[in-house]
N, C-alpha and C. Protein backbone atom coordinates (compact mmCIF):
# COMPACT_ATOMS: atom_id res chain seq x y z
N UNK A 1 -244.21 -149.39 180.32
CA UNK A 1 -242.97 -149.93 179.79
C UNK A 1 -243.20 -151.35 179.31
N UNK A 2 -242.36 -151.81 178.41
CA UNK A 2 -242.51 -153.16 177.93
C UNK A 2 -241.15 -153.79 177.71
N UNK A 3 -241.16 -155.10 177.50
CA UNK A 3 -239.92 -155.81 177.23
C UNK A 3 -239.00 -155.83 178.42
N UNK A 4 -237.73 -155.88 178.16
CA UNK A 4 -236.74 -155.93 179.20
C UNK A 4 -236.50 -154.51 179.68
N UNK A 5 -236.97 -154.20 180.87
CA UNK A 5 -236.97 -152.83 181.35
C UNK A 5 -236.24 -152.74 182.68
N UNK A 6 -235.81 -151.56 183.02
CA UNK A 6 -235.12 -151.35 184.27
C UNK A 6 -235.98 -150.75 185.36
N UNK A 7 -237.29 -150.63 185.16
CA UNK A 7 -238.14 -150.02 186.17
C UNK A 7 -238.11 -150.83 187.46
N UNK A 8 -238.45 -150.18 188.54
CA UNK A 8 -238.47 -150.82 189.85
C UNK A 8 -239.40 -152.04 189.88
N UNK A 9 -240.57 -151.89 189.27
CA UNK A 9 -241.55 -152.98 189.24
C UNK A 9 -240.99 -154.18 188.48
N UNK A 10 -240.30 -153.94 187.37
CA UNK A 10 -239.74 -155.03 186.58
C UNK A 10 -238.61 -155.72 187.35
N UNK A 11 -237.78 -154.93 188.02
CA UNK A 11 -236.70 -155.52 188.82
C UNK A 11 -237.27 -156.38 189.94
N UNK A 12 -238.37 -155.92 190.56
CA UNK A 12 -239.01 -156.70 191.62
C UNK A 12 -239.50 -158.04 191.07
N UNK A 13 -240.16 -158.02 189.93
CA UNK A 13 -240.68 -159.26 189.34
C UNK A 13 -239.55 -160.21 188.98
N UNK A 14 -238.46 -159.68 188.47
CA UNK A 14 -237.32 -160.55 188.14
C UNK A 14 -236.70 -161.12 189.41
N UNK A 15 -236.64 -160.32 190.48
CA UNK A 15 -236.12 -160.80 191.76
C UNK A 15 -236.99 -161.92 192.31
N UNK A 16 -238.31 -161.79 192.15
CA UNK A 16 -239.24 -162.80 192.67
C UNK A 16 -239.05 -164.15 191.99
N UNK A 17 -238.52 -164.15 190.77
CA UNK A 17 -238.33 -165.39 190.02
C UNK A 17 -236.88 -165.58 189.59
N UNK A 18 -235.96 -165.13 190.43
CA UNK A 18 -234.54 -165.26 190.11
C UNK A 18 -234.18 -166.73 189.88
N UNK A 19 -233.46 -166.99 188.82
CA UNK A 19 -233.08 -168.36 188.49
C UNK A 19 -234.23 -169.18 187.92
N UNK A 20 -235.33 -168.51 187.55
CA UNK A 20 -236.46 -169.22 186.98
C UNK A 20 -237.33 -169.92 187.99
N UNK A 21 -237.11 -169.66 189.28
CA UNK A 21 -237.88 -170.31 190.35
C UNK A 21 -238.48 -169.23 191.24
N UNK A 22 -239.72 -169.43 191.71
CA UNK A 22 -240.33 -168.42 192.58
C UNK A 22 -239.69 -168.42 193.97
N UNK A 23 -239.45 -167.22 194.50
CA UNK A 23 -238.97 -167.13 195.87
C UNK A 23 -240.17 -167.17 196.82
N UNK A 24 -239.96 -166.96 198.11
CA UNK A 24 -241.04 -167.08 199.10
C UNK A 24 -242.19 -166.13 198.80
N UNK A 25 -241.88 -164.90 198.40
CA UNK A 25 -242.92 -163.92 198.12
C UNK A 25 -243.73 -164.33 196.89
N UNK A 26 -243.05 -164.77 195.86
CA UNK A 26 -243.75 -165.21 194.64
C UNK A 26 -244.64 -166.42 194.94
N UNK A 27 -244.17 -167.34 195.80
CA UNK A 27 -244.99 -168.52 196.13
C UNK A 27 -246.28 -168.10 196.83
N UNK A 28 -246.18 -167.17 197.77
CA UNK A 28 -247.37 -166.68 198.48
C UNK A 28 -248.32 -166.00 197.49
N UNK A 29 -247.77 -165.14 196.66
CA UNK A 29 -248.61 -164.43 195.68
C UNK A 29 -249.22 -165.40 194.66
N UNK A 30 -248.48 -166.43 194.27
CA UNK A 30 -249.00 -167.41 193.32
C UNK A 30 -250.16 -168.21 193.92
N UNK A 31 -250.09 -168.53 195.22
CA UNK A 31 -251.21 -169.23 195.85
C UNK A 31 -252.47 -168.38 195.80
N UNK A 32 -252.33 -167.11 196.14
CA UNK A 32 -253.48 -166.21 196.07
C UNK A 32 -253.97 -166.07 194.63
N UNK A 33 -253.04 -165.88 193.71
CA UNK A 33 -253.42 -165.71 192.30
C UNK A 33 -254.11 -166.95 191.75
N UNK A 34 -253.66 -168.14 192.15
CA UNK A 34 -254.30 -169.38 191.68
C UNK A 34 -255.76 -169.39 192.12
N UNK A 35 -256.03 -169.00 193.37
CA UNK A 35 -257.41 -168.92 193.85
C UNK A 35 -258.18 -167.86 193.06
N UNK A 36 -257.58 -166.68 192.93
CA UNK A 36 -258.23 -165.57 192.23
C UNK A 36 -258.55 -165.94 190.78
N UNK A 37 -257.60 -166.52 190.08
CA UNK A 37 -257.81 -166.88 188.68
C UNK A 37 -258.86 -167.98 188.55
N UNK A 38 -258.85 -168.95 189.47
CA UNK A 38 -259.81 -170.07 189.42
C UNK A 38 -261.23 -169.58 189.64
N UNK A 39 -261.40 -168.60 190.51
CA UNK A 39 -262.74 -168.09 190.81
C UNK A 39 -263.17 -167.00 189.84
N UNK A 40 -262.20 -166.38 189.18
CA UNK A 40 -262.51 -165.27 188.28
C UNK A 40 -262.72 -163.96 189.03
N UNK A 41 -262.37 -163.93 190.32
CA UNK A 41 -262.56 -162.75 191.16
C UNK A 41 -261.61 -161.64 190.73
N UNK A 42 -262.18 -160.55 190.23
CA UNK A 42 -261.42 -159.38 189.79
C UNK A 42 -260.26 -159.76 188.86
N UNK A 43 -260.52 -160.66 187.95
CA UNK A 43 -259.47 -161.12 187.04
C UNK A 43 -259.99 -161.13 185.61
N UNK A 44 -259.16 -160.70 184.66
CA UNK A 44 -259.57 -160.77 183.26
C UNK A 44 -259.89 -162.22 182.85
N UNK A 45 -260.67 -162.37 181.81
CA UNK A 45 -261.15 -163.69 181.38
C UNK A 45 -260.02 -164.64 180.97
N UNK A 46 -258.87 -164.11 180.58
CA UNK A 46 -257.79 -165.01 180.14
C UNK A 46 -256.87 -165.45 181.28
N UNK A 47 -257.14 -165.01 182.50
CA UNK A 47 -256.39 -165.48 183.66
C UNK A 47 -257.07 -166.74 184.17
N UNK A 48 -256.34 -167.85 184.18
CA UNK A 48 -256.89 -169.14 184.59
C UNK A 48 -255.92 -169.83 185.53
N UNK A 49 -256.42 -170.87 186.20
CA UNK A 49 -255.56 -171.68 187.05
C UNK A 49 -255.35 -173.03 186.37
N UNK A 50 -254.10 -173.42 186.25
CA UNK A 50 -253.73 -174.71 185.68
C UNK A 50 -253.54 -175.68 186.83
N UNK A 51 -254.23 -176.82 186.77
CA UNK A 51 -254.05 -177.89 187.75
C UNK A 51 -253.46 -179.08 187.02
N UNK A 52 -252.39 -179.62 187.59
CA UNK A 52 -251.71 -180.76 186.96
C UNK A 52 -251.13 -181.63 188.06
N UNK A 53 -251.03 -182.93 187.80
CA UNK A 53 -250.44 -183.84 188.77
C UNK A 53 -248.95 -183.53 188.92
N UNK A 54 -248.49 -183.44 190.17
CA UNK A 54 -247.07 -183.23 190.42
C UNK A 54 -246.28 -184.43 189.91
N UNK A 55 -245.16 -184.18 189.28
CA UNK A 55 -244.40 -185.26 188.65
C UNK A 55 -243.75 -186.19 189.67
N UNK A 56 -243.56 -185.74 190.89
CA UNK A 56 -242.96 -186.58 191.92
C UNK A 56 -244.03 -187.07 192.89
N UNK A 57 -244.85 -186.16 193.39
CA UNK A 57 -245.84 -186.52 194.42
C UNK A 57 -247.11 -187.12 193.84
N UNK A 58 -247.45 -186.75 192.61
CA UNK A 58 -248.72 -187.20 192.03
C UNK A 58 -249.91 -186.38 192.51
N UNK A 59 -249.68 -185.49 193.49
CA UNK A 59 -250.76 -184.63 194.00
C UNK A 59 -251.01 -183.48 193.04
N UNK A 60 -252.25 -183.00 193.03
CA UNK A 60 -252.60 -181.87 192.17
C UNK A 60 -251.88 -180.61 192.63
N UNK A 61 -251.24 -179.95 191.69
CA UNK A 61 -250.55 -178.70 191.94
C UNK A 61 -251.22 -177.64 191.08
N UNK A 62 -251.44 -176.45 191.65
CA UNK A 62 -252.12 -175.36 190.94
C UNK A 62 -251.15 -174.23 190.62
N UNK A 63 -251.29 -173.69 189.41
CA UNK A 63 -250.44 -172.60 188.95
C UNK A 63 -251.30 -171.53 188.28
N UNK A 64 -251.12 -170.25 188.64
CA UNK A 64 -251.83 -169.19 187.91
C UNK A 64 -251.13 -168.97 186.57
N UNK A 65 -251.91 -168.94 185.49
CA UNK A 65 -251.34 -168.75 184.15
C UNK A 65 -252.24 -167.82 183.34
N UNK A 66 -251.68 -167.28 182.27
CA UNK A 66 -252.45 -166.46 181.34
C UNK A 66 -252.63 -167.27 180.06
N UNK A 67 -253.88 -167.51 179.70
CA UNK A 67 -254.18 -168.22 178.44
C UNK A 67 -254.39 -167.16 177.36
N UNK A 68 -253.75 -167.36 176.23
CA UNK A 68 -253.92 -166.40 175.13
C UNK A 68 -254.58 -167.08 173.94
N UNK A 69 -255.51 -166.36 173.33
CA UNK A 69 -256.17 -166.83 172.12
C UNK A 69 -255.43 -166.24 170.94
N UNK A 70 -255.06 -167.11 170.00
CA UNK A 70 -254.32 -166.65 168.83
C UNK A 70 -254.73 -167.49 167.62
N UNK A 71 -255.23 -166.83 166.61
CA UNK A 71 -255.62 -167.46 165.34
C UNK A 71 -256.44 -168.73 165.54
N UNK A 72 -257.46 -168.62 166.36
CA UNK A 72 -258.38 -169.73 166.56
C UNK A 72 -257.96 -170.77 167.57
N UNK A 73 -256.78 -170.63 168.15
CA UNK A 73 -256.30 -171.57 169.16
C UNK A 73 -256.12 -170.88 170.49
N UNK A 74 -256.04 -171.66 171.54
CA UNK A 74 -255.77 -171.13 172.88
C UNK A 74 -254.45 -171.72 173.34
N UNK A 75 -253.60 -170.88 173.97
CA UNK A 75 -252.25 -171.30 174.29
C UNK A 75 -251.85 -170.89 175.71
N UNK A 76 -250.96 -171.69 176.31
CA UNK A 76 -250.29 -171.34 177.55
C UNK A 76 -248.80 -171.21 177.23
N UNK A 77 -248.17 -170.19 177.79
CA UNK A 77 -246.75 -169.93 177.56
C UNK A 77 -246.05 -169.91 178.90
N UNK A 78 -244.87 -170.51 178.97
CA UNK A 78 -244.08 -170.47 180.19
C UNK A 78 -243.19 -169.24 180.19
N UNK A 79 -243.57 -168.25 181.00
CA UNK A 79 -242.77 -167.02 181.06
C UNK A 79 -241.41 -167.27 181.70
N UNK A 80 -241.27 -168.38 182.44
CA UNK A 80 -240.00 -168.69 183.10
C UNK A 80 -239.17 -169.69 182.31
N UNK A 81 -239.66 -170.12 181.17
CA UNK A 81 -238.88 -171.01 180.32
C UNK A 81 -239.02 -172.47 180.67
N UNK A 82 -238.03 -173.24 180.25
CA UNK A 82 -238.04 -174.70 180.35
C UNK A 82 -238.10 -175.23 181.77
N UNK A 83 -237.53 -174.51 182.73
CA UNK A 83 -237.42 -175.05 184.08
C UNK A 83 -238.63 -174.77 184.96
N UNK A 84 -239.65 -174.13 184.44
CA UNK A 84 -240.85 -173.87 185.25
C UNK A 84 -241.46 -175.19 185.69
N UNK A 85 -241.83 -175.28 186.96
CA UNK A 85 -242.41 -176.52 187.48
C UNK A 85 -243.63 -176.97 186.69
N UNK A 86 -244.49 -176.03 186.31
CA UNK A 86 -245.70 -176.45 185.62
C UNK A 86 -245.38 -177.09 184.27
N UNK A 87 -244.33 -176.63 183.61
CA UNK A 87 -243.93 -177.21 182.33
C UNK A 87 -243.46 -178.64 182.54
N UNK A 88 -242.62 -178.85 183.53
CA UNK A 88 -242.11 -180.20 183.79
C UNK A 88 -243.22 -181.14 184.24
N UNK A 89 -244.17 -180.61 185.02
CA UNK A 89 -245.31 -181.44 185.45
C UNK A 89 -246.21 -181.80 184.27
N UNK A 90 -246.48 -180.83 183.39
CA UNK A 90 -247.33 -181.09 182.22
C UNK A 90 -246.68 -182.14 181.32
N UNK A 91 -245.40 -182.03 181.12
CA UNK A 91 -244.71 -183.02 180.28
C UNK A 91 -244.77 -184.41 180.92
N UNK A 92 -244.56 -184.49 182.23
CA UNK A 92 -244.63 -185.78 182.93
C UNK A 92 -246.04 -186.36 182.89
N UNK A 93 -247.05 -185.50 182.83
CA UNK A 93 -248.44 -185.95 182.80
C UNK A 93 -248.95 -186.16 181.38
N UNK A 94 -248.04 -186.20 180.42
CA UNK A 94 -248.40 -186.39 179.01
C UNK A 94 -249.40 -185.35 178.53
N UNK A 95 -249.30 -184.13 179.08
CA UNK A 95 -250.16 -183.04 178.63
C UNK A 95 -251.52 -182.98 179.28
N UNK A 96 -251.84 -183.94 180.14
CA UNK A 96 -253.17 -183.98 180.76
C UNK A 96 -253.20 -183.04 181.96
N UNK A 97 -254.20 -182.16 181.96
CA UNK A 97 -254.32 -181.16 183.01
C UNK A 97 -255.76 -180.69 183.09
N UNK A 98 -255.99 -179.75 183.99
CA UNK A 98 -257.31 -179.13 184.16
C UNK A 98 -257.10 -177.63 184.20
N UNK A 99 -257.94 -176.88 183.49
CA UNK A 99 -257.96 -175.42 183.60
C UNK A 99 -259.18 -175.04 184.40
N UNK A 100 -258.99 -174.10 185.33
CA UNK A 100 -260.09 -173.63 186.16
C UNK A 100 -260.31 -172.15 185.99
N UNK A 101 -261.54 -171.83 185.79
CA UNK A 101 -262.03 -170.45 185.85
C UNK A 101 -263.52 -170.59 186.06
N UNK A 102 -263.90 -170.64 187.32
CA UNK A 102 -265.29 -170.91 187.66
C UNK A 102 -265.55 -172.40 187.73
N UNK A 103 -265.31 -173.11 186.66
CA UNK A 103 -265.49 -174.56 186.66
C UNK A 103 -264.22 -175.23 186.17
N UNK A 104 -264.12 -176.52 186.42
CA UNK A 104 -262.96 -177.29 185.97
C UNK A 104 -263.20 -177.79 184.55
N UNK A 105 -262.19 -177.62 183.70
CA UNK A 105 -262.28 -178.12 182.33
C UNK A 105 -261.05 -178.99 182.06
N UNK A 106 -261.25 -180.30 181.90
CA UNK A 106 -260.12 -181.16 181.54
C UNK A 106 -259.57 -180.74 180.17
N UNK A 107 -258.25 -180.69 180.07
CA UNK A 107 -257.61 -180.29 178.82
C UNK A 107 -256.43 -181.19 178.51
N UNK A 108 -256.03 -181.15 177.27
CA UNK A 108 -254.80 -181.78 176.84
C UNK A 108 -253.91 -180.66 176.33
N UNK A 109 -252.73 -180.53 176.89
CA UNK A 109 -251.79 -179.49 176.48
C UNK A 109 -250.76 -180.11 175.53
N UNK A 110 -250.76 -179.62 174.31
CA UNK A 110 -249.88 -180.14 173.27
C UNK A 110 -248.79 -179.11 172.99
N UNK A 111 -247.54 -179.54 173.15
CA UNK A 111 -246.43 -178.60 172.97
C UNK A 111 -246.32 -178.17 171.50
N UNK A 112 -246.18 -176.87 171.33
CA UNK A 112 -246.06 -176.28 169.99
C UNK A 112 -244.60 -176.40 169.55
N UNK A 113 -244.34 -176.87 168.33
CA UNK A 113 -242.97 -176.95 167.84
C UNK A 113 -242.30 -175.57 167.83
N UNK A 114 -241.01 -175.55 168.11
CA UNK A 114 -240.24 -174.30 168.21
C UNK A 114 -240.44 -173.38 167.01
N UNK A 115 -240.40 -173.87 165.77
CA UNK A 115 -240.54 -172.95 164.63
C UNK A 115 -241.90 -172.24 164.57
N UNK A 116 -242.90 -172.74 165.29
CA UNK A 116 -244.22 -172.12 165.27
C UNK A 116 -244.50 -171.22 166.47
N UNK A 117 -243.55 -171.09 167.37
CA UNK A 117 -243.78 -170.36 168.63
C UNK A 117 -243.70 -168.84 168.52
N UNK A 118 -242.87 -168.30 167.65
CA UNK A 118 -242.58 -166.86 167.64
C UNK A 118 -243.83 -165.98 167.60
N UNK A 119 -244.78 -166.19 166.70
CA UNK A 119 -245.95 -165.29 166.68
C UNK A 119 -246.81 -165.43 167.93
N UNK A 120 -246.84 -166.62 168.52
CA UNK A 120 -247.61 -166.82 169.75
C UNK A 120 -246.94 -166.09 170.90
N UNK A 121 -245.61 -166.18 170.98
CA UNK A 121 -244.87 -165.45 172.02
C UNK A 121 -245.09 -163.95 171.90
N UNK A 122 -245.07 -163.45 170.70
CA UNK A 122 -245.28 -162.01 170.48
C UNK A 122 -246.67 -161.60 170.97
N UNK A 123 -247.67 -162.37 170.62
CA UNK A 123 -249.05 -162.09 171.04
C UNK A 123 -249.18 -162.21 172.56
N UNK A 124 -248.50 -163.20 173.13
CA UNK A 124 -248.50 -163.41 174.58
C UNK A 124 -247.99 -162.17 175.32
N UNK A 125 -246.91 -161.58 174.84
CA UNK A 125 -246.39 -160.38 175.50
C UNK A 125 -247.37 -159.23 175.45
N UNK A 126 -248.19 -159.16 174.42
CA UNK A 126 -249.23 -158.13 174.36
C UNK A 126 -250.30 -158.37 175.42
N UNK A 127 -250.62 -159.62 175.71
CA UNK A 127 -251.74 -159.97 176.59
C UNK A 127 -251.34 -160.25 178.03
N UNK A 128 -250.07 -160.49 178.30
CA UNK A 128 -249.62 -160.87 179.64
C UNK A 128 -248.53 -159.92 180.13
N UNK A 129 -248.93 -158.74 180.62
CA UNK A 129 -247.92 -157.77 181.04
C UNK A 129 -246.98 -158.29 182.13
N UNK A 130 -247.46 -159.18 182.99
CA UNK A 130 -246.61 -159.72 184.05
C UNK A 130 -245.46 -160.57 183.53
N UNK A 131 -245.57 -161.03 182.30
CA UNK A 131 -244.51 -161.87 181.71
C UNK A 131 -243.39 -161.04 181.10
N UNK A 132 -243.65 -159.79 180.82
CA UNK A 132 -242.68 -158.95 180.09
C UNK A 132 -241.31 -158.86 180.74
N UNK A 133 -241.22 -158.80 182.07
CA UNK A 133 -239.87 -158.74 182.66
C UNK A 133 -239.06 -160.02 182.47
N UNK A 134 -239.72 -161.12 182.14
CA UNK A 134 -239.05 -162.42 182.11
C UNK A 134 -238.59 -162.85 180.72
N UNK A 135 -239.16 -162.29 179.68
CA UNK A 135 -238.76 -162.64 178.32
C UNK A 135 -237.78 -161.60 177.81
N UNK A 136 -236.68 -162.02 177.22
CA UNK A 136 -235.63 -161.08 176.81
C UNK A 136 -235.90 -160.39 175.48
N UNK A 137 -237.17 -160.19 175.16
CA UNK A 137 -237.56 -159.55 173.91
C UNK A 137 -238.55 -158.45 174.23
N UNK A 138 -238.39 -157.31 173.60
CA UNK A 138 -239.34 -156.22 173.80
C UNK A 138 -240.66 -156.54 173.12
N UNK A 139 -241.71 -156.02 173.68
CA UNK A 139 -243.07 -156.29 173.22
C UNK A 139 -243.28 -156.08 171.72
N UNK A 140 -242.80 -155.02 171.15
CA UNK A 140 -243.02 -154.73 169.73
C UNK A 140 -241.86 -155.13 168.83
N UNK A 141 -240.98 -155.99 169.33
CA UNK A 141 -239.78 -156.37 168.57
C UNK A 141 -240.15 -157.10 167.28
N UNK A 142 -239.25 -157.08 166.30
CA UNK A 142 -239.48 -157.82 165.06
C UNK A 142 -239.61 -159.33 165.35
N UNK A 143 -240.35 -160.01 164.50
CA UNK A 143 -240.61 -161.44 164.68
C UNK A 143 -239.32 -162.26 164.78
N UNK A 144 -238.28 -161.85 164.08
CA UNK A 144 -237.01 -162.58 164.10
C UNK A 144 -236.44 -162.66 165.52
N UNK A 145 -236.65 -161.62 166.34
CA UNK A 145 -236.16 -161.65 167.71
C UNK A 145 -236.93 -162.67 168.54
N UNK A 146 -238.22 -162.78 168.31
CA UNK A 146 -239.01 -163.80 169.01
C UNK A 146 -238.59 -165.19 168.56
N UNK A 147 -238.28 -165.35 167.28
CA UNK A 147 -237.85 -166.65 166.76
C UNK A 147 -236.53 -167.08 167.40
N UNK A 148 -235.64 -166.11 167.65
CA UNK A 148 -234.34 -166.42 168.27
C UNK A 148 -234.48 -166.99 169.67
N UNK A 149 -235.48 -166.56 170.40
CA UNK A 149 -235.64 -166.98 171.79
C UNK A 149 -236.71 -168.06 171.97
N UNK A 150 -237.39 -168.43 170.91
CA UNK A 150 -238.54 -169.35 171.00
C UNK A 150 -238.20 -170.69 171.63
N UNK A 151 -237.03 -171.22 171.40
CA UNK A 151 -236.67 -172.54 171.94
C UNK A 151 -236.61 -172.54 173.47
N UNK A 152 -236.37 -171.38 174.06
CA UNK A 152 -236.22 -171.29 175.51
C UNK A 152 -237.55 -171.13 176.25
N UNK A 153 -238.65 -170.89 175.53
CA UNK A 153 -239.94 -170.61 176.17
C UNK A 153 -241.02 -171.55 175.63
N UNK A 154 -241.32 -172.62 176.38
CA UNK A 154 -242.33 -173.58 175.92
C UNK A 154 -243.70 -172.95 175.74
N UNK A 155 -244.38 -173.39 174.69
CA UNK A 155 -245.74 -172.95 174.39
C UNK A 155 -246.58 -174.22 174.21
N UNK A 156 -247.76 -174.24 174.82
CA UNK A 156 -248.66 -175.39 174.73
C UNK A 156 -250.00 -174.95 174.18
N UNK A 157 -250.51 -175.69 173.20
CA UNK A 157 -251.86 -175.44 172.73
C UNK A 157 -252.82 -176.18 173.66
N UNK A 158 -253.92 -175.51 174.01
CA UNK A 158 -254.93 -176.07 174.89
C UNK A 158 -256.00 -176.73 174.03
N UNK A 159 -256.19 -178.04 174.25
CA UNK A 159 -257.23 -178.79 173.55
C UNK A 159 -258.17 -179.40 174.58
N UNK A 160 -259.46 -179.54 174.27
CA UNK A 160 -260.38 -180.17 175.23
C UNK A 160 -260.04 -181.65 175.38
N UNK A 161 -260.23 -182.17 176.58
CA UNK A 161 -259.98 -183.59 176.84
C UNK A 161 -261.01 -184.08 177.85
N UNK A 162 -261.83 -185.01 177.47
CA UNK A 162 -262.87 -185.54 178.35
C UNK A 162 -262.29 -186.62 179.26
N UNK A 163 -262.83 -186.71 180.47
CA UNK A 163 -262.51 -187.82 181.36
C UNK A 163 -261.25 -187.67 182.18
N UNK A 164 -260.60 -186.52 182.18
CA UNK A 164 -259.40 -186.34 183.00
C UNK A 164 -259.83 -185.70 184.31
N UNK A 165 -259.41 -186.27 185.41
CA UNK A 165 -259.74 -185.74 186.73
C UNK A 165 -258.55 -184.97 187.29
N UNK A 166 -258.84 -183.88 187.98
CA UNK A 166 -257.77 -183.14 188.66
C UNK A 166 -257.13 -184.08 189.66
N UNK A 167 -255.82 -184.08 189.73
CA UNK A 167 -255.10 -184.91 190.67
C UNK A 167 -254.82 -186.31 190.16
N UNK A 168 -255.39 -186.69 189.03
CA UNK A 168 -255.13 -188.01 188.46
C UNK A 168 -253.69 -188.02 187.98
N UNK A 169 -252.91 -188.93 188.46
CA UNK A 169 -251.51 -188.97 188.10
C UNK A 169 -251.32 -189.69 186.77
N UNK A 170 -250.61 -189.04 185.87
CA UNK A 170 -250.33 -189.64 184.57
C UNK A 170 -248.83 -189.85 184.40
N UNK A 171 -248.10 -189.64 185.47
CA UNK A 171 -246.65 -189.83 185.38
C UNK A 171 -246.32 -191.29 185.69
N UNK A 172 -245.08 -191.63 185.62
CA UNK A 172 -244.62 -192.98 185.91
C UNK A 172 -244.12 -193.06 187.34
N UNK A 173 -244.77 -192.37 188.27
CA UNK A 173 -244.36 -192.41 189.66
C UNK A 173 -243.35 -191.33 189.95
N UNK A 174 -242.50 -191.58 190.94
CA UNK A 174 -241.51 -190.60 191.36
C UNK A 174 -240.36 -190.48 190.38
N UNK A 175 -239.36 -189.70 190.76
CA UNK A 175 -238.22 -189.45 189.88
C UNK A 175 -237.47 -190.72 189.54
N UNK A 176 -237.49 -191.68 190.47
CA UNK A 176 -236.75 -192.91 190.23
C UNK A 176 -237.59 -193.95 189.49
N UNK A 177 -238.83 -193.58 189.08
CA UNK A 177 -239.68 -194.48 188.32
C UNK A 177 -240.56 -195.37 189.16
N UNK A 178 -240.40 -195.32 190.50
CA UNK A 178 -241.24 -196.15 191.37
C UNK A 178 -242.60 -195.51 191.54
N UNK A 179 -243.66 -196.31 191.69
CA UNK A 179 -245.01 -195.75 191.91
C UNK A 179 -245.12 -195.06 193.24
């Protein structure tokens, strides 16, 4: 099945991320997945772990993500939309992060403008089956449907960046601006 489906598995995945936030089960599974993706253990090559400085704590936070290659670029898509913690952390860190799959690779994540997101979102749904329950568009839908929802789902292009260390804080301190 694809897209917005009523299957038991899809309902479970939507329950795990109700309100765009992981519940206790999703948090446990995400910790394991972050390790699995970082090591490459029984994971496809496009499953990676994103490490980014927490916007409040400054400590390195790890998130399992699916990187998709599209027309010569590599992209990360937020299946949970604007409120996903990793999106807010990446923005606070000015796009500086680390991708792990075997080794650490410093990267710069550059947000893709909304008008350019639709084809990347469509390709993402083909490559990331776990995201399908979370995006309100069916996998083979016309491009116009992806364009309608593109503003709600951030997409970042992955660019190489030398000299960024995991855990290096690039934010302006805590929420109140203090270091």
